[in-house]
Each structure stands twice: as C-alpha cells, then as structure tokens.
C-alpha cells in the first residue's frame, strides 16, 4: 500500500492539497470488470456484462483486423464484383477524378459495415477459444459470472 500526501507552500506553511492511495486507485467497484494487459499499456472496462466479456476482449485484441474488415466492407465498389485489369484502372482513375463525389455512386450500408466488423471480432474470438487454456478460463469465467450475478427477479 502506497499512500502519499502532496503539499503546496502557501506563505511560510505547507498545506496538504491532495492524496494518492495506490490501493484506492487500483480498487474496483461492485460488478464485473475486464482487465487487459498488453505491451505498452493496460485497458480496464468497468461494469461489463459477463456475456459480452469475450466479445469485448476479442474486440480489443482484434481491433486492427476489425478496422481492416470495416474498411474493406465500406470500400467504394461497382455492383459487379469481378473487374478486369482495364476496368480496375478506369475505376481508380474515376475515383481520382471525382474525389469525395465518387462515394455517391455506391457504398455498403452501415449495417453491412458493422456486420463485417462483428464477423471479424467473432472470428478472432473463435481463434482465441481454440486454445485449451483460453477455453477453460472462459468456461470458468462463465461459471463464476453465473454464480455472482445478482438476481434481478427479486420478489417484493
């Protein structure tokens, strides 16, 4: 436990102005929390629904893959999927000439883009759960979450 008081000089006296308590800073309120440590940092998500924890964890890990999937899903494209090399060159020239106005031609809906991101996140979660240790930890997590979940159907 590290407790430190900071003082400020006012005239000839030192007056306490703030206090730092490592136990308080690292404490958690009641509820389910998700902590992820990674090279160069740590992220904490407070009051996480246990059912969403694997998706949130996978989302944090799969952030780059999700961004790439969303970017590809939102990419401007013609209705016909397969383009010849000549059509690809013409398409790139059109986008270069039209600039931002090219996006009025056709683009996926927000739902399609979100679904692409969620699919990438689910794929990353599925990859993580192929590891036996991760699967066991996840199953234990679900069990503890179920045991500690507050009963919301309380009778008066």
N, C-alpha and C. Protein backbone atom coordinates (compact mmCIF):
# COMPACT_ATOMS: atom_id res chain seq x y z
N UNK A 1 0.84 -1.18 0.00
CA UNK A 1 0.00 0.00 0.00
C UNK A 1 0.89 1.24 0.00
N UNK A 2 0.64 2.10 -0.97
CA UNK A 2 1.38 3.35 -1.05
C UNK A 2 0.41 4.49 -0.85
N UNK A 3 0.64 5.23 0.21
CA UNK A 3 -0.19 6.39 0.48
C UNK A 3 0.74 7.59 0.54
N UNK A 4 0.42 8.62 -0.23
CA UNK A 4 1.31 9.76 -0.29
C UNK A 4 0.47 11.03 -0.25
N UNK A 5 0.88 11.99 0.54
CA UNK A 5 0.19 13.27 0.64
C UNK A 5 1.06 14.33 -0.04
N UNK A 6 0.42 15.14 -0.88
CA UNK A 6 1.14 16.21 -1.58
C UNK A 6 0.79 17.54 -0.93
N UNK A 7 1.84 18.34 -0.78
CA UNK A 7 1.68 19.63 -0.11
C UNK A 7 2.00 20.77 -1.07
N UNK A 8 1.45 21.93 -0.75
CA UNK A 8 1.71 23.14 -1.52
C UNK A 8 2.15 24.22 -0.52
N UNK A 9 3.16 24.98 -0.88
CA UNK A 9 3.66 26.01 0.03
C UNK A 9 2.80 27.27 -0.14
N UNK A 10 2.23 27.70 0.97
CA UNK A 10 1.43 28.93 0.99
C UNK A 10 2.03 29.84 2.06
N UNK A 11 2.71 30.83 1.60
CA UNK A 11 3.42 31.69 2.54
C UNK A 11 4.57 30.91 3.14
N UNK A 12 4.58 30.80 4.49
CA UNK A 12 5.64 30.07 5.18
C UNK A 12 5.21 28.65 5.53
N UNK A 13 3.97 28.30 5.23
CA UNK A 13 3.44 26.99 5.64
C UNK A 13 3.21 26.08 4.44
N UNK A 14 3.27 24.79 4.70
CA UNK A 14 2.93 23.79 3.70
C UNK A 14 1.55 23.24 4.04
N UNK A 15 0.66 23.28 3.04
CA UNK A 15 -0.73 22.86 3.24
C UNK A 15 -0.99 21.62 2.38
N UNK A 16 -1.59 20.56 2.96
CA UNK A 16 -1.90 19.37 2.14
C UNK A 16 -2.95 19.72 1.08
N UNK A 17 -2.67 19.34 -0.17
CA UNK A 17 -3.59 19.67 -1.26
C UNK A 17 -4.18 18.43 -1.95
N UNK A 18 -3.50 17.30 -1.89
CA UNK A 18 -4.05 16.08 -2.48
C UNK A 18 -3.40 14.86 -1.86
N UNK A 19 -4.05 13.72 -2.09
CA UNK A 19 -3.57 12.48 -1.51
C UNK A 19 -3.64 11.40 -2.58
N UNK A 20 -2.63 10.56 -2.62
CA UNK A 20 -2.59 9.45 -3.55
C UNK A 20 -2.57 8.16 -2.75
N UNK A 21 -3.46 7.25 -3.10
CA UNK A 21 -3.54 5.96 -2.41
C UNK A 21 -3.58 4.87 -3.48
N UNK A 22 -2.50 4.09 -3.59
CA UNK A 22 -2.43 3.06 -4.64
C UNK A 22 -3.52 2.01 -4.49
N UNK A 23 -3.89 1.67 -3.27
CA UNK A 23 -4.97 0.69 -3.07
C UNK A 23 -6.29 1.23 -3.60
N UNK A 24 -6.53 2.51 -3.37
CA UNK A 24 -7.78 3.12 -3.84
C UNK A 24 -7.81 3.20 -5.36
N UNK A 25 -6.69 3.61 -5.96
CA UNK A 25 -6.62 3.75 -7.41
C UNK A 25 -6.83 2.41 -8.11
N UNK A 26 -6.27 1.33 -7.55
CA UNK A 26 -6.37 0.02 -8.18
C UNK A 26 -7.59 -0.78 -7.71
N UNK A 27 -8.48 -0.17 -6.95
CA UNK A 27 -9.64 -0.91 -6.46
C UNK A 27 -10.76 -0.89 -7.49
N UNK A 28 -11.71 -1.79 -7.31
CA UNK A 28 -12.83 -1.92 -8.24
C UNK A 28 -14.14 -1.83 -7.48
N UNK A 29 -15.11 -1.24 -8.10
CA UNK A 29 -16.44 -1.21 -7.51
C UNK A 29 -17.11 -2.56 -7.71
N UNK A 30 -18.27 -2.74 -7.11
CA UNK A 30 -19.02 -3.98 -7.26
C UNK A 30 -19.38 -4.17 -8.74
N UNK A 31 -19.29 -5.38 -9.22
CA UNK A 31 -19.65 -5.68 -10.60
C UNK A 31 -18.59 -6.50 -11.29
N UNK A 32 -18.75 -6.68 -12.59
CA UNK A 32 -17.83 -7.46 -13.41
C UNK A 32 -16.98 -6.49 -14.23
N UNK A 33 -15.67 -6.72 -14.21
CA UNK A 33 -14.75 -5.82 -14.91
C UNK A 33 -13.82 -6.66 -15.79
N UNK A 34 -13.40 -6.08 -16.89
CA UNK A 34 -12.50 -6.76 -17.81
C UNK A 34 -11.19 -5.98 -17.85
N UNK A 35 -10.08 -6.65 -17.51
CA UNK A 35 -8.77 -6.01 -17.50
C UNK A 35 -7.91 -6.70 -18.55
N UNK A 36 -7.30 -5.92 -19.41
CA UNK A 36 -6.41 -6.47 -20.43
C UNK A 36 -5.07 -5.77 -20.33
N UNK A 37 -4.00 -6.55 -20.19
CA UNK A 37 -2.65 -6.01 -20.17
C UNK A 37 -1.97 -6.40 -21.48
N UNK A 38 -1.29 -5.47 -22.08
CA UNK A 38 -0.62 -5.70 -23.34
C UNK A 38 0.65 -4.87 -23.36
N UNK A 39 1.58 -5.17 -24.27
CA UNK A 39 2.83 -4.41 -24.29
C UNK A 39 2.56 -2.91 -24.43
N UNK A 40 3.05 -2.16 -23.48
CA UNK A 40 2.91 -0.71 -23.54
C UNK A 40 1.65 -0.17 -22.89
N UNK A 41 0.84 -1.03 -22.28
CA UNK A 41 -0.36 -0.46 -21.66
C UNK A 41 -1.28 -1.46 -21.02
N UNK A 42 -2.40 -0.93 -20.59
CA UNK A 42 -3.42 -1.73 -19.92
C UNK A 42 -4.75 -1.03 -20.18
N UNK A 43 -5.80 -1.81 -20.38
CA UNK A 43 -7.12 -1.22 -20.51
C UNK A 43 -8.05 -1.90 -19.53
N UNK A 44 -8.96 -1.11 -18.95
CA UNK A 44 -9.93 -1.62 -17.99
C UNK A 44 -11.31 -1.20 -18.46
N UNK A 45 -12.21 -2.15 -18.54
CA UNK A 45 -13.61 -1.88 -18.86
C UNK A 45 -14.41 -2.22 -17.61
N UNK A 46 -15.15 -1.24 -17.11
CA UNK A 46 -15.90 -1.43 -15.88
C UNK A 46 -17.35 -1.82 -16.17
N UNK A 47 -17.93 -2.56 -15.23
CA UNK A 47 -19.33 -2.99 -15.31
C UNK A 47 -19.65 -3.65 -16.65
N UNK A 48 -18.93 -4.69 -16.95
CA UNK A 48 -19.09 -5.43 -18.20
C UNK A 48 -20.10 -6.55 -17.98
N UNK A 49 -21.03 -6.68 -18.90
CA UNK A 49 -21.96 -7.80 -18.87
C UNK A 49 -21.14 -9.06 -19.15
N UNK A 50 -21.17 -10.05 -18.24
CA UNK A 50 -20.34 -11.24 -18.43
C UNK A 50 -20.54 -11.92 -19.78
N UNK A 51 -21.73 -11.86 -20.32
CA UNK A 51 -21.98 -12.49 -21.62
C UNK A 51 -21.24 -11.78 -22.74
N UNK A 52 -20.92 -10.49 -22.53
CA UNK A 52 -20.24 -9.71 -23.57
C UNK A 52 -18.72 -9.69 -23.38
N UNK A 53 -18.24 -10.18 -22.25
CA UNK A 53 -16.80 -10.11 -21.96
C UNK A 53 -15.93 -10.72 -23.06
N UNK A 54 -16.27 -11.92 -23.57
CA UNK A 54 -15.42 -12.48 -24.63
C UNK A 54 -15.42 -11.62 -25.90
N UNK A 55 -16.56 -11.01 -26.21
CA UNK A 55 -16.63 -10.16 -27.40
C UNK A 55 -15.80 -8.89 -27.19
N UNK A 56 -15.87 -8.32 -26.00
CA UNK A 56 -15.09 -7.11 -25.72
C UNK A 56 -13.60 -7.43 -25.75
N UNK A 57 -13.22 -8.54 -25.13
CA UNK A 57 -11.81 -8.94 -25.12
C UNK A 57 -11.33 -9.21 -26.54
N UNK A 58 -12.13 -9.95 -27.30
CA UNK A 58 -11.75 -10.24 -28.69
C UNK A 58 -11.69 -8.95 -29.49
N UNK A 59 -12.60 -8.03 -29.22
CA UNK A 59 -12.61 -6.75 -29.93
C UNK A 59 -11.34 -5.96 -29.67
N UNK A 60 -10.87 -5.99 -28.43
CA UNK A 60 -9.63 -5.28 -28.09
C UNK A 60 -8.44 -5.91 -28.78
N UNK A 61 -8.42 -7.24 -28.82
CA UNK A 61 -7.32 -7.95 -29.45
C UNK A 61 -7.40 -7.82 -30.97
N UNK A 62 -8.63 -7.86 -31.50
CA UNK A 62 -8.83 -7.89 -32.95
C UNK A 62 -9.06 -6.51 -33.54
N UNK A 63 -8.72 -5.47 -32.80
CA UNK A 63 -9.01 -4.11 -33.25
C UNK A 63 -8.48 -3.83 -34.66
N UNK A 64 -7.25 -4.20 -34.93
CA UNK A 64 -6.67 -3.96 -36.25
C UNK A 64 -7.39 -4.75 -37.33
N UNK A 65 -7.69 -6.02 -37.03
CA UNK A 65 -8.40 -6.86 -38.00
C UNK A 65 -9.81 -6.31 -38.26
N UNK A 66 -10.46 -5.82 -37.20
CA UNK A 66 -11.79 -5.24 -37.36
C UNK A 66 -11.74 -3.99 -38.23
N UNK A 67 -10.77 -3.12 -37.96
CA UNK A 67 -10.65 -1.90 -38.76
C UNK A 67 -10.45 -2.23 -40.23
N UNK A 68 -9.60 -3.21 -40.49
CA UNK A 68 -9.36 -3.62 -41.88
C UNK A 68 -10.63 -4.18 -42.52
N UNK A 69 -11.38 -5.02 -41.77
CA UNK A 69 -12.62 -5.60 -42.30
C UNK A 69 -13.66 -4.51 -42.55
N UNK A 70 -13.77 -3.56 -41.63
CA UNK A 70 -14.73 -2.47 -41.81
C UNK A 70 -14.32 -1.59 -42.99
N UNK A 71 -13.02 -1.32 -43.10
CA UNK A 71 -12.54 -0.51 -44.22
C UNK A 71 -12.84 -1.19 -45.55
N UNK A 72 -12.59 -2.50 -45.64
CA UNK A 72 -12.86 -3.23 -46.88
C UNK A 72 -14.35 -3.28 -47.18
N UNK A 73 -15.17 -3.48 -46.13
CA UNK A 73 -16.62 -3.55 -46.33
C UNK A 73 -17.19 -2.21 -46.77
N UNK A 74 -16.58 -1.12 -46.33
CA UNK A 74 -17.06 0.21 -46.68
C UNK A 74 -16.43 0.78 -47.93
N UNK A 75 -15.59 0.01 -48.57
CA UNK A 75 -14.88 0.47 -49.76
C UNK A 75 -15.86 0.69 -50.92
N UNK A 76 -15.63 1.73 -51.67
CA UNK A 76 -16.45 2.01 -52.84
C UNK A 76 -16.20 0.95 -53.89
N UNK A 77 -17.27 0.42 -54.48
CA UNK A 77 -17.11 -0.62 -55.49
C UNK A 77 -18.31 -0.64 -56.44
N UNK A 78 -18.09 -1.12 -57.66
CA UNK A 78 -19.22 -1.27 -58.58
C UNK A 78 -20.05 -2.49 -58.19
N UNK A 79 -21.25 -2.60 -58.74
CA UNK A 79 -22.12 -3.73 -58.40
C UNK A 79 -21.49 -5.06 -58.80
N UNK A 80 -20.81 -5.08 -59.95
CA UNK A 80 -20.16 -6.30 -60.41
C UNK A 80 -18.88 -6.50 -59.60
N UNK A 81 -18.73 -7.67 -58.97
CA UNK A 81 -17.59 -7.91 -58.07
C UNK A 81 -16.27 -8.08 -58.82
N UNK A 82 -16.27 -8.87 -59.88
CA UNK A 82 -15.03 -9.14 -60.61
C UNK A 82 -14.80 -8.06 -61.67
N UNK A 83 -13.64 -7.43 -61.61
CA UNK A 83 -13.28 -6.40 -62.58
C UNK A 83 -12.05 -6.85 -63.35
N UNK A 84 -12.01 -6.49 -64.62
CA UNK A 84 -10.81 -6.77 -65.41
C UNK A 84 -9.75 -5.74 -64.98
N UNK A 85 -8.52 -5.97 -65.39
CA UNK A 85 -7.43 -5.04 -65.06
C UNK A 85 -7.72 -3.67 -65.65
N UNK A 86 -8.25 -3.65 -66.87
CA UNK A 86 -8.58 -2.38 -67.52
C UNK A 86 -9.69 -1.65 -66.76
N UNK A 87 -10.69 -2.41 -66.29
CA UNK A 87 -11.77 -1.80 -65.51
C UNK A 87 -11.24 -1.28 -64.17
N UNK A 88 -10.32 -2.01 -63.56
CA UNK A 88 -9.74 -1.55 -62.30
C UNK A 88 -9.00 -0.23 -62.49
N UNK A 89 -8.24 -0.13 -63.59
CA UNK A 89 -7.52 1.12 -63.87
C UNK A 89 -8.50 2.27 -64.09
N UNK A 90 -9.56 1.99 -64.86
CA UNK A 90 -10.57 3.01 -65.13
C UNK A 90 -11.27 3.42 -63.82
N UNK A 91 -11.55 2.46 -62.98
CA UNK A 91 -12.20 2.73 -61.69
C UNK A 91 -11.33 3.63 -60.82
N UNK A 92 -10.04 3.32 -60.76
CA UNK A 92 -9.11 4.13 -59.97
C UNK A 92 -9.01 5.54 -60.52
N UNK A 93 -9.03 5.67 -61.87
CA UNK A 93 -8.99 7.00 -62.49
C UNK A 93 -10.26 7.78 -62.14
N UNK A 94 -11.41 7.09 -62.16
CA UNK A 94 -12.68 7.73 -61.83
C UNK A 94 -12.67 8.25 -60.40
N UNK A 95 -12.21 7.44 -59.47
CA UNK A 95 -12.15 7.85 -58.06
C UNK A 95 -11.19 9.03 -57.91
N UNK A 96 -10.07 8.98 -58.64
CA UNK A 96 -9.11 10.08 -58.57
C UNK A 96 -9.72 11.37 -59.11
N UNK A 97 -10.49 11.26 -60.21
CA UNK A 97 -11.10 12.45 -60.80
C UNK A 97 -12.27 12.98 -59.98
N UNK A 98 -13.11 12.09 -59.45
CA UNK A 98 -14.30 12.53 -58.71
C UNK A 98 -14.01 12.89 -57.26
N UNK A 99 -12.96 12.34 -56.70
CA UNK A 99 -12.64 12.62 -55.29
C UNK A 99 -13.76 12.14 -54.38
N UNK A 100 -14.19 13.00 -53.46
CA UNK A 100 -15.22 12.63 -52.50
C UNK A 100 -16.58 12.37 -53.16
N UNK A 101 -16.82 12.96 -54.34
CA UNK A 101 -18.09 12.75 -55.03
C UNK A 101 -18.24 11.31 -55.51
N UNK A 102 -17.15 10.57 -55.61
CA UNK A 102 -17.22 9.18 -56.05
C UNK A 102 -18.00 8.33 -55.05
N UNK A 103 -18.05 8.75 -53.80
CA UNK A 103 -18.74 7.97 -52.78
C UNK A 103 -20.26 8.00 -52.94
N UNK A 104 -20.76 8.86 -53.79
CA UNK A 104 -22.20 8.90 -54.04
C UNK A 104 -22.62 7.78 -55.00
N UNK A 105 -21.67 7.08 -55.59
CA UNK A 105 -22.00 6.04 -56.56
C UNK A 105 -22.65 4.83 -55.88
N UNK A 106 -21.92 4.15 -55.04
CA UNK A 106 -22.47 3.01 -54.29
C UNK A 106 -21.52 2.66 -53.17
N UNK A 107 -22.09 2.42 -52.00
CA UNK A 107 -21.30 2.05 -50.84
C UNK A 107 -22.17 1.16 -49.96
N UNK A 108 -21.56 0.27 -49.21
CA UNK A 108 -22.33 -0.61 -48.33
C UNK A 108 -23.06 0.19 -47.26
N UNK A 109 -24.12 -0.40 -46.74
CA UNK A 109 -24.87 0.25 -45.67
C UNK A 109 -24.07 0.17 -44.37
N UNK A 110 -24.47 1.00 -43.40
CA UNK A 110 -23.82 0.98 -42.10
C UNK A 110 -23.97 -0.40 -41.46
N UNK A 111 -25.12 -1.04 -41.66
CA UNK A 111 -25.34 -2.37 -41.09
C UNK A 111 -24.36 -3.38 -41.69
N UNK A 112 -24.16 -3.34 -43.01
CA UNK A 112 -23.21 -4.26 -43.65
C UNK A 112 -21.80 -4.04 -43.11
N UNK A 113 -21.44 -2.78 -42.91
CA UNK A 113 -20.11 -2.46 -42.40
C UNK A 113 -19.96 -2.96 -40.96
N UNK A 114 -20.98 -2.71 -40.13
CA UNK A 114 -20.94 -3.17 -38.74
C UNK A 114 -20.89 -4.69 -38.68
N UNK A 115 -21.66 -5.36 -39.53
CA UNK A 115 -21.65 -6.82 -39.55
C UNK A 115 -20.27 -7.36 -39.93
N UNK A 116 -19.59 -6.68 -40.85
CA UNK A 116 -18.24 -7.10 -41.22
C UNK A 116 -17.30 -6.99 -40.02
N UNK A 117 -17.44 -5.90 -39.24
CA UNK A 117 -16.61 -5.73 -38.05
C UNK A 117 -16.92 -6.78 -37.00
N UNK A 118 -18.20 -7.05 -36.77
CA UNK A 118 -18.59 -8.07 -35.79
C UNK A 118 -18.14 -9.46 -36.23
N UNK A 119 -18.21 -9.73 -37.52
CA UNK A 119 -17.76 -11.04 -38.02
C UNK A 119 -16.27 -11.19 -37.78
N UNK A 120 -15.50 -10.14 -38.02
CA UNK A 120 -14.05 -10.20 -37.78
C UNK A 120 -13.77 -10.41 -36.29
N UNK A 121 -14.55 -9.76 -35.43
CA UNK A 121 -14.37 -9.93 -33.99
C UNK A 121 -14.73 -11.34 -33.57
N UNK A 122 -15.81 -11.91 -34.11
CA UNK A 122 -16.20 -13.27 -33.76
C UNK A 122 -15.15 -14.27 -34.23
N UNK A 123 -14.59 -14.04 -35.42
CA UNK A 123 -13.53 -14.92 -35.92
C UNK A 123 -12.32 -14.90 -34.99
N UNK A 124 -11.97 -13.70 -34.49
CA UNK A 124 -10.84 -13.58 -33.58
C UNK A 124 -11.15 -14.29 -32.26
N UNK A 125 -12.38 -14.15 -31.75
CA UNK A 125 -12.78 -14.84 -30.52
C UNK A 125 -12.71 -16.35 -30.72
N UNK A 126 -13.18 -16.82 -31.88
CA UNK A 126 -13.13 -18.26 -32.18
C UNK A 126 -11.69 -18.76 -32.21
N UNK A 127 -10.78 -17.97 -32.77
CA UNK A 127 -9.37 -18.36 -32.80
C UNK A 127 -8.82 -18.47 -31.38
N UNK A 128 -9.15 -17.48 -30.55
CA UNK A 128 -8.66 -17.49 -29.17
C UNK A 128 -9.19 -18.70 -28.40
N UNK A 129 -10.44 -19.08 -28.65
CA UNK A 129 -11.06 -20.18 -27.91
C UNK A 129 -10.60 -21.55 -28.40
N UNK A 130 -9.78 -21.63 -29.44
CA UNK A 130 -9.22 -22.92 -29.85
C UNK A 130 -8.11 -23.35 -28.91
N UNK A 131 -7.55 -22.39 -28.18
CA UNK A 131 -6.52 -22.70 -27.19
C UNK A 131 -7.20 -23.31 -25.97
N UNK A 132 -6.83 -24.53 -25.57
CA UNK A 132 -7.49 -25.18 -24.44
C UNK A 132 -7.45 -24.36 -23.15
N UNK A 133 -6.34 -23.69 -22.89
CA UNK A 133 -6.24 -22.88 -21.67
C UNK A 133 -7.22 -21.71 -21.71
N UNK A 134 -7.35 -21.08 -22.86
CA UNK A 134 -8.28 -19.95 -23.00
C UNK A 134 -9.71 -20.45 -22.84
N UNK A 135 -10.02 -21.60 -23.45
CA UNK A 135 -11.38 -22.15 -23.36
C UNK A 135 -11.72 -22.49 -21.91
N UNK A 136 -10.79 -23.12 -21.18
CA UNK A 136 -11.03 -23.47 -19.77
C UNK A 136 -11.23 -22.20 -18.95
N UNK A 137 -10.38 -21.20 -19.18
CA UNK A 137 -10.50 -19.92 -18.45
C UNK A 137 -11.84 -19.27 -18.76
N UNK A 138 -12.26 -19.34 -20.01
CA UNK A 138 -13.54 -18.74 -20.41
C UNK A 138 -14.70 -19.48 -19.74
N UNK A 139 -14.64 -20.80 -19.72
CA UNK A 139 -15.71 -21.58 -19.08
C UNK A 139 -15.77 -21.31 -17.58
N UNK A 140 -14.59 -21.18 -16.95
CA UNK A 140 -14.56 -20.83 -15.52
C UNK A 140 -15.14 -19.44 -15.31
N UNK A 141 -14.79 -18.53 -16.21
CA UNK A 141 -15.31 -17.17 -16.12
C UNK A 141 -16.83 -17.18 -16.20
N UNK A 142 -17.39 -17.93 -17.14
CA UNK A 142 -18.85 -18.01 -17.27
C UNK A 142 -19.48 -18.58 -16.01
N UNK A 143 -18.83 -19.60 -15.42
CA UNK A 143 -19.37 -20.21 -14.22
C UNK A 143 -19.37 -19.21 -13.06
N UNK A 144 -18.24 -18.52 -12.85
CA UNK A 144 -18.16 -17.55 -11.76
C UNK A 144 -19.14 -16.39 -12.01
N UNK A 145 -19.24 -15.96 -13.25
CA UNK A 145 -20.17 -14.87 -13.57
C UNK A 145 -21.60 -15.29 -13.26
N UNK A 146 -21.96 -16.52 -13.60
CA UNK A 146 -23.31 -17.01 -13.32
C UNK A 146 -23.56 -17.10 -11.82
N UNK A 147 -22.54 -17.52 -11.07
CA UNK A 147 -22.69 -17.65 -9.62
C UNK A 147 -22.78 -16.29 -8.91
N UNK A 148 -22.12 -15.29 -9.45
CA UNK A 148 -22.08 -13.99 -8.78
C UNK A 148 -23.11 -13.01 -9.32
N UNK A 149 -23.79 -13.39 -10.37
CA UNK A 149 -24.77 -12.49 -10.98
C UNK A 149 -25.89 -12.20 -9.99
N UNK A 150 -26.24 -10.94 -9.85
CA UNK A 150 -27.31 -10.56 -8.95
C UNK A 150 -28.64 -11.03 -9.51
N UNK A 151 -29.51 -11.43 -8.63
CA UNK A 151 -30.85 -11.87 -9.04
C UNK A 151 -31.69 -10.63 -9.34
N UNK A 152 -32.02 -10.42 -10.60
CA UNK A 152 -32.81 -9.24 -10.97
C UNK A 152 -34.30 -9.50 -10.87
N UNK A 153 -34.70 -10.73 -10.60
CA UNK A 153 -36.12 -11.06 -10.48
C UNK A 153 -36.54 -11.17 -9.02
N UNK A 154 -36.05 -10.26 -8.19
CA UNK A 154 -36.36 -10.29 -6.77
C UNK A 154 -37.86 -10.00 -6.55
N UNK A 155 -38.42 -10.73 -5.61
CA UNK A 155 -39.82 -10.51 -5.28
C UNK A 155 -39.92 -9.51 -4.14
N UNK A 156 -40.97 -8.68 -4.16
CA UNK A 156 -41.14 -7.66 -3.12
C UNK A 156 -41.58 -8.27 -1.82
